[in-house]
Amino acid sequence: MFDEKGDAELLGVMAEAQRDERVAVARRLLAAGRLCQLRMADVDAEDRFQWCVDNWEAVAAEVGAELGISRRRASTQMNYGVELLERLPKLGAVFASGEVDFRVVAVAVFRTGLVTDEDVLTALDARLAAAAPRWNAYSNARIAELVDWWVREADPAAERNARSADADRNVTIGPSRDGLTEFWGTLRTPDAAALDRRLNQLTATVCRGDPRTRQQRRADAMAVLTAGGTSMVCGCESADCRKRGSVAAPGQIVIHVMAEAATVSGTGDAPGYLPGHGAIPADQVRILAERALLRPMRDAGEFQAEAQYRPSTALAEFVRNRDLCCRFPGCGKPAEVCDIDHTVPYGRGGPTHPSNLALLCRLH
């Protein structure tokens, strides 16, 4: 089929096929939504809840039979179609044009599902329609971060991870199998971020010869943490192990949460932001502020070009807080695992200045 095509032509075929696929998916979902609208037009909402089988279920059964899928999957497709027609029509139009992956649309629809204010929803729809084409390479988690941030800004009560969910935090330990126990829970985001980093610190106290996988080391680090330890026993069994006795200093866990001064002082309720995790409710920001080091962020205009290649601590901190993640299009690697690179190489006269510095992960 493609024997006579060169590299550029093959890339073109792939891009065209991708757009056609997006258009086809949008057409199917929007058609399902429109069919549902037509069948539900004469239904009394109060009466519907008394029916054993309502029009929605009947349409889902019909769509499922036509497409050869289950009623549940048909109902899900109908729901996406109705949401895009009635709540997010501008996003639906961009989706139908082939510019946006269904994956992006699905996250946006779900994360805006509790917004009921029409003006707020209209504004969110416009923002999503403008931004979604740039999100195709983003992970689902990154897309959810961005949508949640906008939702919390516009309508704090509507975000699915609203303040009431704070009451659901928990830790559960239960038997699993063969001498293992399952451990899971729900923590406040800053606490979870600190725990994650502490586990990473402990796993770094063994050498590369340790035979355990990263996840196995993190599991073993939980036991070390529980016992109040500061290092793990390396499993390399080498008498010359350089990591033997190394220590992850207690208390040296740093997470950066960015927030407006008004939020910290209690005069505003704009959310804070924890890179890699997303929006933090204003009340959690204030709880953190009571025990954290507060440092006002500097403006880019305050920095002068520095003579050396490696940026100063203050400049490096500014770049990491400004970029938050790898700047390569579509990459969401967090700042903590990225390097600060010169856009115009330093050796070619590129200044060590905010305007010429950007975060890039090791892959990019």
Protein backbone atom coordinates (compact mmCIF):
# COMPACT_ATOMS: atom_id res chain seq x y z
CA MET A 1 0.00 0.00 0.00
CA PHE A 2 2.80 2.40 0.89
CA ASP A 3 5.73 0.91 -1.03
CA GLU A 4 6.15 3.92 -3.31
CA LYS A 5 5.85 6.61 -0.64
CA GLY A 6 8.75 8.44 0.96
CA ASP A 7 9.21 9.61 4.55
CA ALA A 8 7.39 12.92 4.13
CA GLU A 9 4.47 11.30 2.33
CA LEU A 10 4.10 8.65 5.01
CA LEU A 11 4.05 11.29 7.73
CA GLY A 12 1.41 13.14 5.74
CA VAL A 13 -0.69 9.99 5.44
CA MET A 14 -0.47 9.48 9.20
CA ALA A 15 -1.53 13.05 9.95
CA GLU A 16 -4.44 12.84 7.51
CA ALA A 17 -5.57 9.50 8.93
CA GLN A 18 -5.41 10.85 12.46
CA ARG A 19 -7.59 13.83 11.55
CA ASP A 20 -10.06 11.57 9.73
CA GLU A 21 -10.22 9.29 12.75
CA ARG A 22 -10.96 12.20 15.08
CA VAL A 23 -13.66 13.51 12.76
CA ALA A 24 -15.25 10.07 12.55
CA VAL A 25 -15.31 9.62 16.33
CA ALA A 26 -16.79 13.09 16.83
CA ARG A 27 -19.43 12.43 14.18
CA ARG A 28 -20.46 9.18 15.85
CA LEU A 29 -20.68 10.68 19.34
CA LEU A 30 -22.50 13.82 18.24
CA ALA A 31 -24.97 11.73 16.23
CA ALA A 32 -25.62 9.60 19.33
CA GLY A 33 -26.17 12.75 21.35
CA ARG A 34 -28.56 14.21 18.80
CA LEU A 35 -30.55 10.97 18.60
CA CYS A 36 -30.86 11.04 22.36
CA GLN A 37 -32.04 14.66 22.27
CA LEU A 38 -34.75 13.81 19.74
CA ARG A 39 -36.04 10.85 21.74
CA MET A 40 -35.95 12.69 25.06
CA ALA A 41 -37.59 15.89 23.82
CA ASP A 42 -41.09 14.97 25.00
CA VAL A 43 -40.11 13.28 28.25
CA ASP A 44 -41.28 14.78 31.53
CA ALA A 45 -38.25 14.76 33.83
CA GLU A 46 -40.33 14.08 36.95
CA ASP A 47 -42.13 11.14 35.36
CA ARG A 48 -38.89 9.66 34.07
CA PHE A 49 -37.66 8.67 37.52
CA GLN A 50 -40.74 6.49 38.02
CA TRP A 51 -40.22 4.43 34.87
CA CYS A 52 -38.71 0.95 34.91
CA VAL A 53 -37.20 1.56 31.46
CA ASP A 54 -36.98 5.15 30.27
CA ASN A 55 -36.27 6.64 26.86
CA TRP A 56 -32.54 6.97 27.59
CA GLU A 57 -32.23 3.25 28.26
CA ALA A 58 -34.33 2.45 25.21
CA VAL A 59 -32.11 4.61 23.00
CA ALA A 60 -28.99 3.06 24.55
CA ALA A 61 -30.31 -0.40 23.70
CA GLU A 62 -31.03 0.69 20.13
CA VAL A 63 -27.62 2.34 19.66
CA GLY A 64 -25.90 -0.68 21.19
CA ALA A 65 -27.67 -3.02 18.79
CA GLU A 66 -26.82 -0.84 15.78
CA LEU A 67 -23.13 -0.52 16.67
CA GLY A 68 -22.71 -4.01 18.06
CA ILE A 69 -21.65 -2.79 21.51
CA SER A 70 -23.05 -3.13 25.02
CA ARG A 71 -25.84 -0.92 26.31
CA ARG A 72 -23.44 0.56 28.86
CA ARG A 73 -20.92 1.61 26.20
CA ALA A 74 -23.73 3.00 24.06
CA SER A 75 -25.00 5.03 27.02
CA THR A 76 -21.51 6.42 27.60
CA GLN A 77 -21.24 7.52 23.97
CA MET A 78 -24.67 9.15 24.15
CA ASN A 79 -23.64 11.02 27.27
CA TYR A 80 -20.52 12.42 25.60
CA GLY A 81 -22.59 13.50 22.62
CA VAL A 82 -25.22 15.26 24.73
CA GLU A 83 -22.56 16.97 26.85
CA LEU A 84 -20.80 18.32 23.76
CA LEU A 85 -24.04 19.49 22.17
CA GLU A 86 -25.60 21.09 25.23
CA ARG A 87 -22.84 22.03 27.66
CA LEU A 88 -19.62 22.35 25.66
CA PRO A 89 -20.70 23.12 22.07
CA LYS A 90 -17.56 25.08 21.16
CA LEU A 91 -15.34 22.23 22.29
CA GLY A 92 -17.61 19.88 20.35
CA ALA A 93 -17.15 21.94 17.19
CA VAL A 94 -13.35 21.86 17.53
CA PHE A 95 -13.54 18.12 18.15
CA ALA A 96 -15.64 17.67 15.00
CA SER A 97 -13.04 19.59 12.98
CA GLY A 98 -10.43 16.91 13.73
CA GLU A 99 -8.11 19.10 15.78
CA VAL A 100 -8.58 17.34 19.12
CA ASP A 101 -8.23 13.74 20.29
CA PHE A 102 -11.24 12.12 21.93
CA ARG A 103 -9.04 11.41 24.96
CA VAL A 104 -8.67 15.15 25.59
CA VAL A 105 -12.39 15.72 25.13
CA ALA A 106 -13.28 12.88 27.50
CA VAL A 107 -11.18 14.34 30.32
CA ALA A 108 -12.61 17.83 29.75
CA VAL A 109 -16.20 16.57 29.77
CA PHE A 110 -15.68 14.62 32.99
CA ARG A 111 -13.79 17.32 34.88
CA THR A 112 -16.44 19.96 34.08
CA GLY A 113 -19.33 17.63 34.90
CA LEU A 114 -20.35 19.36 38.15
CA VAL A 115 -20.40 22.91 36.80
CA THR A 116 -24.01 24.13 36.79
CA ASP A 117 -23.66 27.90 36.37
CA GLU A 118 -24.38 28.64 32.69
CA ASP A 119 -22.11 31.69 32.50
CA VAL A 120 -19.22 29.78 34.07
CA LEU A 121 -19.80 26.85 31.73
CA THR A 122 -19.89 29.12 28.68
CA ALA A 123 -16.58 30.70 29.68
CA LEU A 124 -14.99 27.30 30.31
CA ASP A 125 -16.25 26.03 26.96
CA ALA A 126 -14.57 28.92 25.15
CA ARG A 127 -11.27 28.39 27.00
CA LEU A 128 -11.32 24.65 26.36
CA ALA A 129 -12.08 25.09 22.67
CA ALA A 130 -9.11 27.45 22.30
CA ALA A 131 -6.65 25.36 24.33
CA ALA A 132 -7.61 21.73 23.61
CA PRO A 133 -5.80 21.46 20.23
CA ARG A 134 -2.52 22.10 22.11
CA TRP A 135 -3.20 19.32 24.63
CA ASN A 136 -3.17 16.27 22.36
CA ALA A 137 0.29 15.22 23.53
CA TYR A 138 -0.43 15.81 27.22
CA SER A 139 -1.09 12.98 29.64
CA ASN A 140 -4.58 12.56 31.08
CA ALA A 141 -3.27 13.69 34.46
CA ARG A 142 -1.82 16.89 32.99
CA ILE A 143 -5.08 17.67 31.16
CA ALA A 144 -7.06 17.06 34.36
CA GLU A 145 -4.70 19.42 36.21
CA LEU A 146 -5.33 22.21 33.74
CA VAL A 147 -9.11 21.74 33.59
CA ASP A 148 -9.39 21.46 37.38
CA TRP A 149 -7.42 24.67 37.75
CA TRP A 150 -9.81 26.54 35.48
CA VAL A 151 -12.85 25.01 37.17
CA ARG A 152 -11.60 25.90 40.63
CA GLU A 153 -10.84 29.45 39.52
CA ALA A 154 -14.27 29.94 37.99
CA ASP A 155 -16.48 27.86 40.29
CA PRO A 156 -14.69 26.42 43.35
CA ALA A 157 -17.75 24.46 44.51
CA ALA A 158 -17.97 22.50 41.26
CA GLU A 159 -14.62 20.71 41.11
CA ARG A 160 -14.96 16.98 41.60
CA ASN A 161 -12.17 17.05 44.16
CA ALA A 162 -14.02 19.70 46.16
CA ARG A 163 -13.43 20.62 49.77
CA SER A 164 -15.96 18.07 51.04
CA ALA A 165 -13.73 15.29 49.70
CA ASP A 166 -11.15 16.18 52.35
CA ALA A 167 -13.26 14.23 54.83
CA ASP A 168 -12.64 11.05 52.80
CA ARG A 169 -8.90 10.87 53.43
CA ASN A 170 -7.90 7.52 54.87
CA VAL A 171 -5.28 4.79 55.04
CA THR A 172 -6.29 1.14 54.85
CA ILE A 173 -4.15 -1.94 55.47
CA GLY A 174 -5.50 -5.37 54.62
CA PRO A 175 -4.29 -8.91 53.89
CA SER A 176 -3.31 -9.79 50.34
CA ARG A 177 -1.62 -13.13 49.59
CA ASP A 178 1.49 -15.18 50.30
CA GLY A 179 2.72 -13.12 53.22
CA LEU A 180 1.97 -9.77 51.59
CA THR A 181 -0.37 -7.02 52.74
CA GLU A 182 -2.05 -4.34 50.67
CA PHE A 183 -1.61 -0.74 51.74
CA TRP A 184 -3.58 2.06 50.16
CA GLY A 185 -5.15 5.35 51.08
CA THR A 186 -6.16 8.88 50.22
CA LEU A 187 -4.02 11.75 51.50
CA ARG A 188 -4.01 15.49 51.13
CA THR A 189 -2.01 16.30 48.02
CA PRO A 190 0.90 18.11 49.74
CA ASP A 191 1.27 15.27 52.25
CA ALA A 192 1.26 12.68 49.46
CA ALA A 193 3.86 14.67 47.52
CA ALA A 194 6.11 14.81 50.58
CA LEU A 195 5.71 11.07 51.17
CA ASP A 196 6.52 10.35 47.53
CA ARG A 197 9.73 12.36 47.72
CA ARG A 198 10.75 10.80 51.02
CA LEU A 199 10.39 7.32 49.55
CA ASN A 200 12.51 8.39 46.58
CA GLN A 201 15.16 9.73 48.96
CA LEU A 202 15.31 6.42 50.80
CA THR A 203 15.52 4.34 47.62
CA ALA A 204 18.54 6.44 46.62
CA THR A 205 20.49 5.15 49.63
CA VAL A 206 21.25 1.84 47.86
CA CYS A 207 23.67 1.37 44.98
CA ARG A 208 22.91 0.49 41.38
CA GLY A 209 23.80 -3.11 42.09
CA ASP A 210 20.76 -3.56 44.30
CA PRO A 211 18.69 -6.29 42.59
CA ARG A 212 15.27 -4.89 43.51
CA THR A 213 13.07 -2.97 41.09
CA ARG A 214 12.28 0.66 41.82
CA GLN A 215 8.78 -0.24 43.00
CA GLN A 216 10.13 -2.99 45.25
CA ARG A 217 12.59 -0.55 46.80
CA ARG A 218 9.79 1.96 47.40
CA ALA A 219 7.74 -0.74 49.11
CA ASP A 220 10.68 -1.68 51.33
CA ALA A 221 11.28 2.01 52.04
CA MET A 222 7.86 2.18 53.70
CA ALA A 223 9.10 -0.28 56.32
CA VAL A 224 12.26 1.80 56.86
CA LEU A 225 10.16 4.94 57.18
CA THR A 226 7.86 3.27 59.71
CA ALA A 227 10.84 2.22 61.82
CA GLY A 228 12.25 5.75 61.77
CA GLY A 229 15.23 4.71 59.68
CA THR A 230 17.27 7.02 57.49
CA SER A 231 18.70 4.50 55.03
CA MET A 232 17.94 1.17 53.41
CA VAL A 233 20.10 -1.93 53.53
CA CYS A 234 21.59 -2.40 50.08
CA GLY A 235 20.90 -5.78 48.52
CA CYS A 236 24.00 -5.92 46.33
CA GLU A 237 25.87 -8.01 48.96
CA SER A 238 29.15 -6.38 47.95
CA ALA A 239 31.69 -5.66 50.68
CA ASP A 240 32.83 -2.62 48.70
CA CYS A 241 29.36 -1.09 48.30
CA ARG A 242 29.82 2.69 48.28
CA LYS A 243 26.26 3.28 49.40
CA ARG A 244 26.58 1.19 52.55
CA GLY A 245 25.69 3.40 55.49
CA SER A 246 24.54 6.34 53.39
CA VAL A 247 21.77 8.39 54.95
CA ALA A 248 18.73 10.25 53.68
CA ALA A 249 18.67 13.15 56.11
CA PRO A 250 15.36 13.38 58.01
CA GLY A 251 13.33 16.51 57.44
CA GLN A 252 15.03 17.44 54.17
CA ILE A 253 11.90 17.17 52.03
CA VAL A 254 11.06 20.18 49.89
CA ILE A 255 7.89 20.70 47.89
CA HIS A 256 7.07 23.96 46.17
CA VAL A 257 3.49 25.22 46.37
CA MET A 258 2.73 28.42 44.51
CA ALA A 259 -0.09 30.66 45.67
CA GLU A 260 -1.23 34.26 45.57
CA ALA A 261 -0.42 36.42 48.59
CA ALA A 262 -4.14 37.03 49.12
CA THR A 263 -4.76 33.30 49.44
CA VAL A 264 -2.00 32.90 52.02
CA SER A 265 -3.24 35.87 54.06
CA GLY A 266 -6.84 34.70 53.97
CA THR A 267 -8.21 37.61 51.96
CA GLY A 268 -8.61 35.54 48.79
CA ASP A 269 -9.57 32.02 47.77
CA ALA A 270 -7.64 31.50 44.52
CA PRO A 271 -6.19 27.97 44.52
CA GLY A 272 -2.54 27.22 45.03
CA TYR A 273 -0.57 25.02 42.66
CA LEU A 274 1.67 22.06 43.38
CA PRO A 275 3.68 21.13 40.26
CA GLY A 276 2.94 17.62 39.13
CA HIS A 277 -0.22 17.40 41.22
CA GLY A 278 -2.37 20.38 40.27
CA ALA A 279 -4.58 22.81 42.13
CA ILE A 280 -4.52 22.95 45.94
CA PRO A 281 -7.61 24.31 47.76
CA ALA A 282 -7.09 27.68 49.41
CA ASP A 283 -7.72 26.30 52.90
CA GLN A 284 -4.95 23.70 52.43
CA VAL A 285 -2.62 26.44 51.21
CA ARG A 286 -3.19 28.36 54.43
CA ILE A 287 -2.59 25.25 56.56
CA LEU A 288 0.72 24.70 54.75
CA ALA A 289 1.68 28.36 55.10
CA GLU A 290 1.52 28.09 58.88
CA ARG A 291 4.45 25.65 58.94
CA ALA A 292 6.31 26.39 55.70
CA LEU A 293 8.98 28.82 54.57
CA LEU A 294 7.31 31.59 52.58
CA ARG A 295 9.27 33.20 49.76
CA PRO A 296 7.79 35.85 47.44
CA MET A 297 8.41 35.03 43.78
CA ARG A 298 10.58 37.51 41.93
CA ASP A 299 9.64 39.12 38.65
CA ALA A 300 11.62 38.32 35.50
CA GLY A 301 12.48 41.99 35.14
CA GLU A 302 14.47 41.89 38.37
CA PHE A 303 17.13 39.62 36.87
CA GLN A 304 20.16 40.80 34.94
CA ALA A 305 22.15 38.58 32.57
CA GLU A 306 24.66 36.55 34.58
CA ALA A 307 28.23 36.09 33.38
CA GLN A 308 28.57 32.39 34.19
CA TYR A 309 27.05 29.42 32.34
CA ARG A 310 25.31 27.89 35.35
CA PRO A 311 22.47 30.11 36.62
CA SER A 312 22.56 31.31 40.21
CA THR A 313 20.34 29.64 42.80
CA ALA A 314 17.83 32.49 42.63
CA LEU A 315 17.67 32.44 38.83
CA ALA A 316 17.38 28.65 38.71
CA GLU A 317 14.53 28.75 41.22
CA PHE A 318 12.75 31.40 39.17
CA VAL A 319 13.01 29.36 35.94
CA ARG A 320 11.73 26.20 37.62
CA ASN A 321 8.78 28.02 39.18
CA ARG A 322 8.00 29.77 35.90
CA ASP A 323 8.16 26.75 33.59
CA LEU A 324 6.91 24.09 36.06
CA CYS A 325 7.67 21.28 33.58
CA CYS A 326 9.70 20.43 30.47
CA ARG A 327 9.09 23.06 27.78
CA PHE A 328 9.21 20.61 24.87
CA PRO A 329 5.78 20.58 23.18
CA GLY A 330 3.53 18.00 24.82
CA CYS A 331 6.00 16.94 27.52
CA GLY A 332 4.88 17.18 31.12
CA LYS A 333 7.96 16.00 33.02
CA PRO A 334 7.99 17.98 36.30
CA ALA A 335 10.61 20.62 37.01
CA GLU A 336 12.40 18.51 39.60
CA VAL A 337 13.62 16.05 36.93
CA CYS A 338 14.49 18.68 34.29
CA ASP A 339 17.67 20.59 33.50
CA ILE A 340 17.89 24.31 32.82
CA ASP A 341 19.17 24.79 29.28
CA HIS A 342 20.13 27.82 27.21
CA THR A 343 17.87 28.33 24.18
CA VAL A 344 20.69 30.09 22.33
CA PRO A 345 23.80 28.12 23.39
CA TYR A 346 25.99 29.86 25.93
CA GLY A 347 29.04 29.18 23.77
CA ARG A 348 27.43 31.14 20.93
CA GLY A 349 26.71 34.19 23.00
CA GLY A 350 23.42 33.12 24.55
CA PRO A 351 22.93 34.97 27.86
CA THR A 352 22.24 33.32 31.19
CA HIS A 353 18.99 35.22 31.59
CA PRO A 354 15.31 34.23 32.05
CA SER A 355 14.59 35.11 28.42
CA ASN A 356 17.14 32.54 27.22
CA LEU A 357 16.62 29.75 29.75
CA ALA A 358 14.09 26.92 29.69
CA LEU A 359 13.46 23.63 31.43
CA LEU A 360 14.06 20.50 29.36
CA CYS A 361 13.98 16.90 30.52
CA ARG A 362 16.86 14.54 29.71
CA LEU A 363 14.95 13.11 26.74
CA HIS A 364 14.45 16.48 25.08
